[in-house]
């Protein structure tokens, strides 16, 4: 599978400053893709970062949000429900609730739900 640019969610560095506060998932309209629902809670610059993007995704069994890809942002990804595999820099790891991935900018990475139930994960990526 060829890596592609992260077309699903990008850090909006030209957007207005990210507001302080709490945004619940009910206040976020999902971006619906085949087998995946993406909720972008925050995207834009902050006082200390050129841009940050944070949200959650729900993957149906067998689904992935996109093929393994690279982007300039560093990223943390936290699995909260379900089972799957995360590929990061050529290493594939079986993951479940509580697993956290970190990858540096421009590192090939991806996630897939390998379990029988939906998989939920949260991500945050940023440009300093």
Protein backbone atom coordinates (compact mmCIF):
# COMPACT_ATOMS: atom_id res chain seq x y z
CA UNK A 1 0.00 0.00 0.00
CA UNK A 2 1.46 3.37 -0.99
CA UNK A 3 1.59 6.09 1.66
CA UNK A 4 -0.59 9.12 0.97
CA UNK A 5 -0.85 12.59 2.44
CA UNK A 6 -3.22 12.89 5.39
CA UNK A 7 -6.25 14.20 3.52
CA UNK A 8 -8.72 13.39 6.31
CA UNK A 9 -7.56 15.91 8.93
CA UNK A 10 -4.92 18.60 8.66
CA UNK A 11 -3.78 21.22 11.14
CA UNK A 12 -5.39 24.54 10.19
CA UNK A 13 -2.50 26.93 10.76
CA UNK A 14 -4.33 29.78 9.00
CA UNK A 15 -7.48 29.41 11.13
CA UNK A 16 -8.39 31.54 14.14
CA UNK A 17 -6.76 30.79 17.48
CA UNK A 18 -8.06 27.64 19.19
CA UNK A 19 -10.54 28.69 21.91
CA UNK A 20 -10.05 27.67 25.51
CA UNK A 21 -12.70 25.47 27.09
CA UNK A 22 -14.29 22.06 26.65
CA UNK A 23 -15.98 20.70 23.53
CA UNK A 24 -18.05 17.55 23.94
CA UNK A 25 -18.50 15.09 21.10
CA UNK A 26 -22.20 15.99 20.80
CA UNK A 27 -21.15 19.50 19.70
CA UNK A 28 -18.95 18.22 16.86
CA UNK A 29 -20.43 17.25 13.49
CA UNK A 30 -18.77 14.02 12.33
CA UNK A 31 -16.95 13.73 9.04
CA UNK A 32 -18.36 10.42 7.76
CA UNK A 33 -16.10 8.27 5.62
CA UNK A 34 -16.60 4.60 4.67
CA UNK A 35 -16.25 2.63 7.92
CA UNK A 36 -15.13 5.67 9.90
CA UNK A 37 -16.57 8.68 11.71
CA UNK A 38 -14.10 11.49 12.48
CA UNK A 39 -14.79 14.23 15.04
CA UNK A 40 -12.43 17.23 14.92
CA UNK A 41 -12.74 19.04 18.26
CA UNK A 42 -9.96 21.60 17.75
CA UNK A 43 -7.81 22.81 14.88
CA UNK A 44 -5.81 26.00 14.61
CA UNK A 45 -2.95 27.94 16.16
CA UNK A 46 -2.43 28.43 19.90
CA UNK A 47 -0.28 30.81 21.93
CA UNK A 48 2.64 28.38 21.70
CA UNK A 49 2.03 26.33 18.55
CA UNK A 50 1.72 27.24 14.86
CA UNK A 51 -1.12 24.74 14.80
CA UNK A 52 -2.72 21.90 16.73
CA UNK A 53 -5.47 19.48 15.78
CA UNK A 54 -7.25 17.15 18.20
CA UNK A 55 -10.26 14.89 17.99
CA UNK A 56 -11.52 11.34 17.95
CA UNK A 57 -12.42 8.69 15.40
CA UNK A 58 -14.62 5.60 15.50
CA UNK A 59 -13.64 2.76 13.15
CA UNK A 60 -15.98 -0.06 12.17
CA UNK A 61 -14.55 -3.60 12.28
CA UNK A 62 -11.99 -3.99 9.49
CA UNK A 63 -11.87 -0.26 8.76
CA UNK A 64 -9.04 2.28 8.74
CA UNK A 65 -9.40 6.06 8.39
CA UNK A 66 -6.90 6.11 5.50
CA UNK A 67 -3.89 4.10 4.31
CA UNK A 68 -0.61 4.50 6.20
CA UNK A 69 0.52 8.07 5.61
CA UNK A 70 2.96 10.83 6.58
CA UNK A 71 2.48 14.45 7.56
CA UNK A 72 4.76 17.13 8.95
CA UNK A 73 3.03 17.22 12.35
CA UNK A 74 4.10 15.13 15.35
CA UNK A 75 1.20 13.01 16.62
CA UNK A 76 -0.11 11.22 19.69
CA UNK A 77 -2.89 8.64 19.23
CA UNK A 78 -4.71 7.06 22.19
CA UNK A 79 -6.89 3.94 21.85
CA UNK A 80 -9.89 4.02 24.20
CA UNK A 81 -12.07 1.15 22.93
CA UNK A 82 -11.67 -1.87 20.68
CA UNK A 83 -8.71 -3.75 19.27
CA UNK A 84 -6.49 -3.10 16.31
CA UNK A 85 -3.06 -2.62 14.84
CA UNK A 86 -0.96 0.50 14.67
CA UNK A 87 1.91 0.75 12.23
CA UNK A 88 4.57 3.30 13.16
CA UNK A 89 7.89 3.61 11.32
CA UNK A 90 7.71 0.06 9.93
CA UNK A 91 6.72 -1.62 13.22
CA UNK A 92 3.18 -3.04 13.57
CA UNK A 93 1.85 -3.35 17.14
CA UNK A 94 -1.35 -4.99 18.40
CA UNK A 95 -3.27 -2.41 20.44
CA UNK A 96 -6.25 -2.11 22.74
CA UNK A 97 -7.65 0.33 25.28
CA UNK A 98 -4.92 2.41 26.91
CA UNK A 99 -2.36 2.02 24.12
CA UNK A 100 -0.70 5.28 23.09
CA UNK A 101 1.26 5.90 19.88
CA UNK A 102 3.70 8.74 19.39
CA UNK A 103 5.27 9.40 16.03
CA UNK A 104 7.54 12.17 14.87
CA UNK A 105 6.73 14.35 11.89
CA UNK A 106 6.99 12.68 8.47
CA UNK A 107 6.97 9.18 10.01
CA UNK A 108 4.88 6.60 8.14
CA UNK A 109 2.01 5.46 10.37
CA UNK A 110 -1.52 4.08 10.28
CA UNK A 111 -4.22 2.32 12.28
CA UNK A 112 -6.76 -0.41 11.48
CA UNK A 113 -9.56 -2.00 13.53
CA UNK A 114 -8.88 -5.74 13.63
CA UNK A 115 -11.53 -6.54 16.26
CA UNK A 116 -15.21 -7.51 16.08
CA UNK A 117 -16.57 -4.24 17.55
CA UNK A 118 -16.04 -0.52 16.81
CA UNK A 119 -12.68 0.94 17.79
CA UNK A 120 -12.44 4.46 19.21
CA UNK A 121 -9.23 6.46 19.33
CA UNK A 122 -8.25 10.05 20.07
CA UNK A 123 -5.47 11.96 18.38
CA UNK A 124 -3.60 15.19 18.73
CA UNK A 125 -1.06 16.49 16.24
CA UNK A 126 0.84 19.75 16.20
CA UNK A 127 3.36 22.01 14.51
CA UNK A 128 5.63 23.97 16.83
